[in-house]
Amino acid sequence: MKFNFSNSALWSTWALTFLIIAGELIKPIKEILKATFTHHWIGKAVITTLVFIAIGFIFSKQDERPNKAWGNIVIQLILILIFYTIEYII
């Protein structure tokens, strides 16, 4: 079976971006991650890895589009940078 790395990268980085921002804005999310995985970053890593693996197999029949994935990853990195910059300033 073929594994779709592009969609995996695309969706797992969106999941990580969501977990990072939501965990900072909604404290119960961070607390649930801490309680479940002993540390919130371990929880984020586990969830992101599971999303990566699941999406890779779910979308295995689709064509890969690495350029689309890379563009989205750059956008997400910029979103995280902007978020933490705003958090620092405020």
PDB file of N, CA and C in Angstrom:
ATOM      1  N   MET A   1       0.837  -1.180   0.000  1.00  0.00           N
ATOM      2  CA  MET A   1       0.000   0.000   0.000  1.00  0.00           C
ATOM      3  C   MET A   1       0.886   1.249   0.000  1.00  0.00           C
ATOM      4  N   LYS A   2       0.485   2.203  -0.792  1.00  0.00           N
ATOM      5  CA  LYS A   2       1.220   3.459  -0.919  1.00  0.00           C
ATOM      6  C   LYS A   2       0.895   4.386   0.257  1.00  0.00           C
ATOM      7  N   PHE A   3       1.877   5.139   0.709  1.00  0.00           N
ATOM      8  CA  PHE A   3       1.701   6.090   1.809  1.00  0.00           C
ATOM      9  C   PHE A   3       1.807   7.497   1.241  1.00  0.00           C
ATOM     10  N   ASN A   4       0.857   8.363   1.550  1.00  0.00           N
ATOM     11  CA  ASN A   4       0.824   9.718   1.014  1.00  0.00           C
ATOM     12  C   ASN A   4       1.484  10.688   1.996  1.00  0.00           C
ATOM     13  N   PHE A   5       2.775  10.938   1.788  1.00  0.00           N
ATOM     14  CA  PHE A   5       3.541  11.795   2.691  1.00  0.00           C
ATOM     15  C   PHE A   5       3.111  13.264   2.617  1.00  0.00           C
ATOM     16  N   SER A   6       2.718  13.716   1.441  1.00  0.00           N
ATOM     17  CA  SER A   6       2.327  15.122   1.293  1.00  0.00           C
ATOM     18  C   SER A   6       1.102  15.457   2.116  1.00  0.00           C
ATOM     19  N   ASN A   7       0.045  14.663   1.971  1.00  0.00           N
ATOM     20  CA  ASN A   7      -1.158  14.913   2.772  1.00  0.00           C
ATOM     21  C   ASN A   7      -0.886  14.703   4.252  1.00  0.00           C
ATOM     22  N   SER A   8      -0.042  13.740   4.584  1.00  0.00           N
ATOM     23  CA  SER A   8       0.317  13.518   5.985  1.00  0.00           C
ATOM     24  C   SER A   8       0.989  14.741   6.575  1.00  0.00           C
ATOM     25  N   ALA A   9       1.947  15.287   5.858  1.00  0.00           N
ATOM     26  CA  ALA A   9       2.650  16.481   6.333  1.00  0.00           C
ATOM     27  C   ALA A   9       1.699  17.656   6.440  1.00  0.00           C
ATOM     28  N   LEU A  10       0.858  17.817   5.435  1.00  0.00           N
ATOM     29  CA  LEU A  10      -0.088  18.925   5.412  1.00  0.00           C
ATOM     30  C   LEU A  10      -1.023  18.884   6.624  1.00  0.00           C
ATOM     31  N   TRP A  11      -1.685  17.767   6.843  1.00  0.00           N
ATOM     32  CA  TRP A  11      -2.687  17.683   7.904  1.00  0.00           C
ATOM     33  C   TRP A  11      -2.079  17.548   9.295  1.00  0.00           C
ATOM     34  N   SER A  12      -0.952  16.897   9.419  1.00  0.00           N
ATOM     35  CA  SER A  12      -0.346  16.782  10.749  1.00  0.00           C
ATOM     36  C   SER A  12       0.205  18.121  11.220  1.00  0.00           C
ATOM     37  N   THR A  13       0.715  18.933  10.308  1.00  0.00           N
ATOM     38  CA  THR A  13       1.195  20.250  10.728  1.00  0.00           C
ATOM     39  C   THR A  13       0.031  21.173  11.061  1.00  0.00           C
ATOM     40  N   TRP A  14      -1.098  21.017  10.374  1.00  0.00           N
ATOM     41  CA  TRP A  14      -2.284  21.793  10.753  1.00  0.00           C
ATOM     42  C   TRP A  14      -2.769  21.364  12.135  1.00  0.00           C
ATOM     43  N   ALA A  15      -2.720  20.061  12.407  1.00  0.00           N
ATOM     44  CA  ALA A  15      -3.115  19.567  13.736  1.00  0.00           C
ATOM     45  C   ALA A  15      -2.199  20.142  14.809  1.00  0.00           C
ATOM     46  N   LEU A  16      -0.898  20.150  14.549  1.00  0.00           N
ATOM     47  CA  LEU A  16       0.050  20.701  15.513  1.00  0.00           C
ATOM     48  C   LEU A  16      -0.169  22.196  15.712  1.00  0.00           C
ATOM     49  N   THR A  17      -0.390  22.916  14.637  1.00  0.00           N
ATOM     50  CA  THR A  17      -0.653  24.350  14.741  1.00  0.00           C
ATOM     51  C   THR A  17      -1.894  24.602  15.593  1.00  0.00           C
ATOM     52  N   PHE A  18      -2.952  23.834  15.352  1.00  0.00           N
ATOM     53  CA  PHE A  18      -4.171  23.970  16.145  1.00  0.00           C
ATOM     54  C   PHE A  18      -3.889  23.669  17.617  1.00  0.00           C
ATOM     55  N   LEU A  19      -3.172  22.584  17.889  1.00  0.00           N
ATOM     56  CA  LEU A  19      -2.891  22.206  19.277  1.00  0.00           C
ATOM     57  C   LEU A  19      -2.052  23.260  19.995  1.00  0.00           C
ATOM     58  N   ILE A  20      -1.105  23.841  19.292  1.00  0.00           N
ATOM     59  CA  ILE A  20      -0.251  24.871  19.896  1.00  0.00           C
ATOM     60  C   ILE A  20      -1.078  26.093  20.260  1.00  0.00           C
ATOM     61  N   ILE A  21      -1.829  26.613  19.302  1.00  0.00           N
ATOM     62  CA  ILE A  21      -2.583  27.838  19.543  1.00  0.00           C
ATOM     63  C   ILE A  21      -3.736  27.593  20.514  1.00  0.00           C
ATOM     64  N   ALA A  22      -4.488  26.515  20.307  1.00  0.00           N
ATOM     65  CA  ALA A  22      -5.619  26.213  21.202  1.00  0.00           C
ATOM     66  C   ALA A  22      -5.132  25.932  22.620  1.00  0.00           C
ATOM     67  N   GLY A  23      -4.000  25.246  22.742  1.00  0.00           N
ATOM     68  CA  GLY A  23      -3.464  24.949  24.066  1.00  0.00           C
ATOM     69  C   GLY A  23      -3.057  26.187  24.841  1.00  0.00           C
ATOM     70  N   GLU A  24      -2.643  27.219  24.132  1.00  0.00           N
ATOM     71  CA  GLU A  24      -2.268  28.470  24.795  1.00  0.00           C
ATOM     72  C   GLU A  24      -3.485  29.326  25.118  1.00  0.00           C
ATOM     73  N   LEU A  25      -4.504  29.267  24.285  1.00  0.00           N
ATOM     74  CA  LEU A  25      -5.684  30.102  24.493  1.00  0.00           C
ATOM     75  C   LEU A  25      -6.734  29.443  25.383  1.00  0.00           C
ATOM     76  N   ILE A  26      -6.813  28.117  25.331  1.00  0.00           N
ATOM     77  CA  ILE A  26      -7.818  27.375  26.095  1.00  0.00           C
ATOM     78  C   ILE A  26      -7.070  26.453  27.056  1.00  0.00           C
ATOM     79  N   LYS A  27      -6.915  26.899  28.284  1.00  0.00           N
ATOM     80  CA  LYS A  27      -6.096  26.179  29.270  1.00  0.00           C
ATOM     81  C   LYS A  27      -6.518  24.733  29.507  1.00  0.00           C
ATOM     82  N   PRO A  28      -7.817  24.384  29.482  1.00  0.00           N
ATOM     83  CA  PRO A  28      -8.174  22.972  29.695  1.00  0.00           C
ATOM     84  C   PRO A  28      -7.562  22.016  28.655  1.00  0.00           C
ATOM     85  N   ILE A  29      -7.346  22.492  27.442  1.00  0.00           N
ATOM     86  CA  ILE A  29      -6.714  21.635  26.425  1.00  0.00           C
ATOM     87  C   ILE A  29      -5.296  21.292  26.863  1.00  0.00           C
ATOM     88  N   LYS A  30      -4.566  22.293  27.297  1.00  0.00           N
ATOM     89  CA  LYS A  30      -3.197  22.072  27.762  1.00  0.00           C
ATOM     90  C   LYS A  30      -3.181  21.154  28.980  1.00  0.00           C
ATOM     91  N   GLU A  31      -4.129  21.351  29.880  1.00  0.00           N
ATOM     92  CA  GLU A  31      -4.208  20.514  31.090  1.00  0.00           C
ATOM     93  C   GLU A  31      -4.551  19.063  30.751  1.00  0.00           C
ATOM     94  N   ILE A  32      -5.444  18.861  29.784  1.00  0.00           N
ATOM     95  CA  ILE A  32      -5.783  17.493  29.351  1.00  0.00           C
ATOM     96  C   ILE A  32      -4.555  16.819  28.745  1.00  0.00           C
ATOM     97  N   LEU A  33      -3.817  17.544  27.932  1.00  0.00           N
ATOM     98  CA  LEU A  33      -2.592  16.983  27.341  1.00  0.00           C
ATOM     99  C   LEU A  33      -1.586  16.623  28.434  1.00  0.00           C
ATOM    100  N   LYS A  34      -1.423  17.510  29.412  1.00  0.00           N
ATOM    101  CA  LYS A  34      -0.504  17.231  30.530  1.00  0.00           C
ATOM    102  C   LYS A  34      -0.944  16.000  31.312  1.00  0.00           C
ATOM    103  N   ALA A  35      -2.239  15.928  31.625  1.00  0.00           N
ATOM    104  CA  ALA A  35      -2.758  14.819  32.430  1.00  0.00           C
ATOM    105  C   ALA A  35      -2.662  13.485  31.687  1.00  0.00           C
ATOM    106  N   THR A  36      -2.869  13.515  30.390  1.00  0.00           N
ATOM    107  CA  THR A  36      -2.874  12.283  29.604  1.00  0.00           C
ATOM    108  C   THR A  36      -1.468  11.803  29.253  1.00  0.00           C
ATOM    109  N   PHE A  37      -0.586  12.737  28.906  1.00  0.00           N
ATOM    110  CA  PHE A  37       0.724  12.365  28.367  1.00  0.00           C
ATOM    111  C   PHE A  37       1.904  12.793  29.237  1.00  0.00           C
ATOM    112  N   THR A  38       1.676  13.251  30.432  1.00  0.00           N
ATOM    113  CA  THR A  38       2.652  13.748  31.403  1.00  0.00           C
ATOM    114  C   THR A  38       3.250  15.117  31.046  1.00  0.00           C
ATOM    115  N   HIS A  39       3.196  15.523  29.805  1.00  0.00           N
ATOM    116  CA  HIS A  39       3.638  16.855  29.398  1.00  0.00           C
ATOM    117  C   HIS A  39       2.880  17.228  28.136  1.00  0.00           C
ATOM    118  N   HIS A  40       2.505  18.503  28.024  1.00  0.00           N
ATOM    119  CA  HIS A  40       1.683  18.905  26.883  1.00  0.00           C
ATOM    120  C   HIS A  40       2.396  18.745  25.545  1.00  0.00           C
ATOM    121  N   TRP A  41       3.716  18.910  25.511  1.00  0.00           N
ATOM    122  CA  TRP A  41       4.426  18.735  24.246  1.00  0.00           C
ATOM    123  C   TRP A  41       4.502  17.264  23.828  1.00  0.00           C
ATOM    124  N   ILE A  42       4.581  16.366  24.792  1.00  0.00           N
ATOM    125  CA  ILE A  42       4.541  14.937  24.457  1.00  0.00           C
ATOM    126  C   ILE A  42       3.179  14.603  23.856  1.00  0.00           C
ATOM    127  N   GLY A  43       2.119  15.148  24.441  1.00  0.00           N
ATOM    128  CA  GLY A  43       0.778  14.940  23.907  1.00  0.00           C
ATOM    129  C   GLY A  43       0.644  15.465  22.489  1.00  0.00           C
ATOM    130  N   LYS A  44       1.165  16.652  22.249  1.00  0.00           N
ATOM    131  CA  LYS A  44       1.119  17.231  20.903  1.00  0.00           C
ATOM    132  C   LYS A  44       1.884  16.359  19.915  1.00  0.00           C
ATOM    133  N   ALA A  45       3.030  15.847  20.339  1.00  0.00           N
ATOM    134  CA  ALA A  45       3.831  14.989  19.462  1.00  0.00           C
ATOM    135  C   ALA A  45       3.111  13.679  19.133  1.00  0.00           C
ATOM    136  N   VAL A  46       2.495  13.076  20.146  1.00  0.00           N
ATOM    137  CA  VAL A  46       1.779  11.816  19.932  1.00  0.00           C
ATOM    138  C   VAL A  46       0.593  12.032  18.997  1.00  0.00           C
ATOM    139  N   ILE A  47      -0.208  13.053  19.262  1.00  0.00           N
ATOM    140  CA  ILE A  47      -1.374  13.319  18.426  1.00  0.00           C
ATOM    141  C   ILE A  47      -0.960  13.655  16.998  1.00  0.00           C
ATOM    142  N   THR A  48       0.056  14.481  16.845  1.00  0.00           N
ATOM    143  CA  THR A  48       0.538  14.847  15.511  1.00  0.00           C
ATOM    144  C   THR A  48       1.042  13.617  14.763  1.00  0.00           C
ATOM    145  N   THR A  49       1.756  12.737  15.442  1.00  0.00           N
ATOM    146  CA  THR A  49       2.254  11.515  14.819  1.00  0.00           C
ATOM    147  C   THR A  49       1.103  10.612  14.387  1.00  0.00           C
ATOM    148  N   LEU A  50       0.095  10.470  15.242  1.00  0.00           N
ATOM    149  CA  LEU A  50      -1.063   9.649  14.887  1.00  0.00           C
ATOM    150  C   LEU A  50      -1.807  10.218  13.687  1.00  0.00           C
ATOM    151  N   VAL A  51      -1.957  11.542  13.641  1.00  0.00           N
ATOM    152  CA  VAL A  51      -2.596  12.181  12.485  1.00  0.00           C
ATOM    153  C   VAL A  51      -1.757  11.926  11.232  1.00  0.00           C
ATOM    154  N   PHE A  52      -0.440  12.068  11.341  1.00  0.00           N
ATOM    155  CA  PHE A  52       0.454  11.836  10.198  1.00  0.00           C
ATOM    156  C   PHE A  52       0.273  10.430   9.638  1.00  0.00           C
ATOM    157  N   ILE A  53       0.287   9.433  10.507  1.00  0.00           N
ATOM    158  CA  ILE A  53       0.172   8.039  10.069  1.00  0.00           C
ATOM    159  C   ILE A  53      -1.217   7.762   9.489  1.00  0.00           C
ATOM    160  N   ALA A  54      -2.254   8.206  10.185  1.00  0.00           N
ATOM    161  CA  ALA A  54      -3.623   7.935   9.729  1.00  0.00           C
ATOM    162  C   ALA A  54      -3.902   8.583   8.378  1.00  0.00           C
ATOM    163  N   ILE A  55      -3.555   9.841   8.224  1.00  0.00           N
ATOM    164  CA  ILE A  55      -3.821  10.549   6.964  1.00  0.00           C
ATOM    165  C   ILE A  55      -3.024   9.933   5.825  1.00  0.00           C
ATOM    166  N   GLY A  56      -1.804   9.520   6.102  1.00  0.00           N
ATOM    167  CA  GLY A  56      -0.979   8.901   5.059  1.00  0.00           C
ATOM    168  C   GLY A  56      -1.630   7.675   4.459  1.00  0.00           C
ATOM    169  N   PHE A  57      -2.271   6.885   5.294  1.00  0.00           N
ATOM    170  CA  PHE A  57      -2.937   5.687   4.796  1.00  0.00           C
ATOM    171  C   PHE A  57      -4.331   5.987   4.247  1.00  0.00           C
ATOM    172  N   ILE A  58      -5.052   6.911   4.871  1.00  0.00           N
ATOM    173  CA  ILE A  58      -6.399   7.246   4.396  1.00  0.00           C
ATOM    174  C   ILE A  58      -6.355   7.823   2.978  1.00  0.00           C
ATOM    175  N   PHE A  59      -5.386   8.689   2.710  1.00  0.00           N
ATOM    176  CA  PHE A  59      -5.272   9.323   1.399  1.00  0.00           C
ATOM    177  C   PHE A  59      -4.226   8.651   0.512  1.00  0.00           C
ATOM    178  N   SER A  60      -3.969   7.379   0.728  1.00  0.00           N
ATOM    179  CA  SER A  60      -2.920   6.686  -0.013  1.00  0.00           C
ATOM    180  C   SER A  60      -3.191   6.605  -1.509  1.00  0.00           C
ATOM    181  N   LYS A  61      -4.431   6.676  -1.921  1.00  0.00           N
ATOM    182  CA  LYS A  61      -4.760   6.554  -3.341  1.00  0.00           C
ATOM    183  C   LYS A  61      -4.713   7.897  -4.077  1.00  0.00           C
ATOM    184  N   GLN A  62      -4.631   8.993  -3.352  1.00  0.00           N
ATOM    185  CA  GLN A  62      -4.561  10.305  -3.985  1.00  0.00           C
ATOM    186  C   GLN A  62      -3.143  10.607  -4.452  1.00  0.00           C
ATOM    187  N   ASP A  63      -3.060  11.463  -5.459  1.00  0.00           N
ATOM    188  CA  ASP A  63      -1.745  11.908  -5.924  1.00  0.00           C
ATOM    189  C   ASP A  63      -1.110  12.809  -4.880  1.00  0.00           C
ATOM    190  N   GLU A  64       0.206  12.706  -4.769  1.00  0.00           N
ATOM    191  CA  GLU A  64       0.922  13.563  -3.824  1.00  0.00           C
ATOM    192  C   GLU A  64       1.183  14.921  -4.457  1.00  0.00           C
ATOM    193  N   ARG A  65       1.107  15.959  -3.636  1.00  0.00           N
ATOM    194  CA  ARG A  65       1.380  17.330  -4.065  1.00  0.00           C
ATOM    195  C   ARG A  65       2.329  17.976  -3.064  1.00  0.00           C
ATOM    196  N   PRO A  66       3.622  17.672  -3.175  1.00  0.00           N
ATOM    197  CA  PRO A  66       4.566  18.178  -2.177  1.00  0.00           C
ATOM    198  C   PRO A  66       4.642  19.705  -2.115  1.00  0.00           C
ATOM    199  N   ASN A  67       4.469  20.389  -3.241  1.00  0.00           N
ATOM    200  CA  ASN A  67       4.545  21.855  -3.218  1.00  0.00           C
ATOM    201  C   ASN A  67       3.420  22.456  -2.389  1.00  0.00           C
ATOM    202  N   LYS A  68       2.225  21.876  -2.486  1.00  0.00           N
ATOM    203  CA  LYS A  68       1.091  22.352  -1.690  1.00  0.00           C
ATOM    204  C   LYS A  68       1.373  22.139  -0.200  1.00  0.00           C
ATOM    205  N   ALA A  69       1.930  21.007   0.138  1.00  0.00           N
ATOM    206  CA  ALA A  69       2.241  20.721   1.544  1.00  0.00           C
ATOM    207  C   ALA A  69       3.286  21.699   2.072  1.00  0.00           C
ATOM    208  N   TRP A  70       4.341  21.926   1.312  1.00  0.00           N
ATOM    209  CA  TRP A  70       5.392  22.840   1.785  1.00  0.00           C
ATOM    210  C   TRP A  70       4.867  24.252   1.952  1.00  0.00           C
ATOM    211  N   GLY A  71       4.046  24.702   1.030  1.00  0.00           N
ATOM    212  CA  GLY A  71       3.472  26.042   1.143  1.00  0.00           C
ATOM    213  C   GLY A  71       2.641  26.195   2.405  1.00  0.00           C
ATOM    214  N   ASN A  72       1.837  25.177   2.713  1.00  0.00           N
ATOM    215  CA  ASN A  72       1.013  25.208   3.919  1.00  0.00           C
ATOM    216  C   ASN A  72       1.857  25.146   5.182  1.00  0.00           C
ATOM    217  N   ILE A  73       2.917  24.381   5.156  1.00  0.00           N
ATOM    218  CA  ILE A  73       3.795  24.287   6.326  1.00  0.00           C
ATOM    219  C   ILE A  73       4.435  25.644   6.616  1.00  0.00           C
ATOM    220  N   VAL A  74       4.858  26.336   5.584  1.00  0.00           N
ATOM    221  CA  VAL A  74       5.436  27.674   5.767  1.00  0.00           C
ATOM    222  C   VAL A  74       4.383  28.624   6.340  1.00  0.00           C
ATOM    223  N   ILE A  75       3.152  28.558   5.815  1.00  0.00           N
ATOM    224  CA  ILE A  75       2.068  29.400   6.335  1.00  0.00           C
ATOM    225  C   ILE A  75       1.833  29.113   7.809  1.00  0.00           C
ATOM    226  N   GLN A  76       1.837  27.850   8.191  1.00  0.00           N
ATOM    227  CA  GLN A  76       1.599  27.487   9.584  1.00  0.00           C
ATOM    228  C   GLN A  76       2.720  27.964  10.496  1.00  0.00           C
ATOM    229  N   LEU A  77       3.943  27.870  10.040  1.00  0.00           N
ATOM    230  CA  LEU A  77       5.062  28.383  10.833  1.00  0.00           C
ATOM    231  C   LEU A  77       4.925  29.886  11.051  1.00  0.00           C
ATOM    232  N   ILE A  78       4.509  30.589  10.016  1.00  0.00           N
ATOM    233  CA  ILE A  78       4.300  32.036  10.134  1.00  0.00           C
ATOM    234  C   ILE A  78       3.168  32.328  11.113  1.00  0.00           C
ATOM    235  N   LEU A  79       2.068  31.534  11.043  1.00  0.00           N
ATOM    236  CA  LEU A  79       0.955  31.716  11.989  1.00  0.00           C
ATOM    237  C   LEU A  79       1.411  31.529  13.428  1.00  0.00           C
ATOM    238  N   ILE A  80       2.197  30.504  13.676  1.00  0.00           N
ATOM    239  CA  ILE A  80       2.691  30.253  15.032  1.00  0.00           C
ATOM    240  C   ILE A  80       3.603  31.393  15.488  1.00  0.00           C
ATOM    241  N   LEU A  81       4.471  31.855  14.604  1.00  0.00           N
ATOM    242  CA  LEU A  81       5.357  32.977  14.934  1.00  0.00           C
ATOM    243  C   LEU A  81       4.557  34.233  15.247  1.00  0.00           C
ATOM    244  N   ILE A  82       3.553  34.528  14.432  1.00  0.00           N
ATOM    245  CA  ILE A  82       2.702  35.697  14.685  1.00  0.00           C
ATOM    246  C   ILE A  82       1.968  35.536  16.013  1.00  0.00           C
ATOM    247  N   PHE A  83       1.425  34.349  16.265  1.00  0.00           N
ATOM    248  CA  PHE A  83       0.698  34.110  17.503  1.00  0.00           C
ATOM    249  C   PHE A  83       1.582  34.363  18.718  1.00  0.00           C
ATOM    250  N   TYR A  84       2.777  33.782  18.734  1.00  0.00           N
ATOM    251  CA  TYR A  84       3.648  33.964  19.892  1.00  0.00           C
ATOM    252  C   TYR A  84       4.176  35.386  19.999  1.00  0.00           C
ATOM    253  N   THR A  85       4.343  36.058  18.884  1.00  0.00           N
ATOM    254  CA  THR A  85       4.755  37.463  18.917  1.00  0.00           C
ATOM    255  C   THR A  85       3.668  38.308  19.575  1.00  0.00           C
ATOM    256  N   ILE A  86       2.423  38.075  19.170  1.00  0.00           N
ATOM    257  CA  ILE A  86       1.299  38.806  19.773  1.00  0.00           C
ATOM    258  C   ILE A  86       1.187  38.470  21.257  1.00  0.00           C
ATOM    259  N   GLU A  87       1.333  37.192  21.610  1.00  0.00           N
ATOM    260  CA  GLU A  87       1.273  36.779  23.013  1.00  0.00           C
ATOM    261  C   GLU A  87       2.371  37.474  23.840  1.00  0.00           C
ATOM    262  N   TYR A  88       3.554  37.619  23.252  1.00  0.00           N
ATOM    263  CA  TYR A  88       4.666  38.270  23.948  1.00  0.00           C
ATOM    264  C   TYR A  88       4.381  39.744  24.162  1.00  0.00           C
ATOM    265  N   ILE A  89       3.845  40.387  23.140  1.00  0.00           N
ATOM    266  CA  ILE A  89       3.587  41.829  23.205  1.00  0.00           C
ATOM    267  C   ILE A  89       2.450  42.137  24.174  1.00  0.00           C
ATOM    268  N   ILE A  90       1.417  41.316  24.150  1.00  0.00           N
ATOM    269  CA  ILE A  90       0.246  41.564  25.005  1.00  0.00           C
ATOM    270  C   ILE A  90       0.516  41.001  26.343  1.00  0.00           C
TER     271      ILE A  90
END
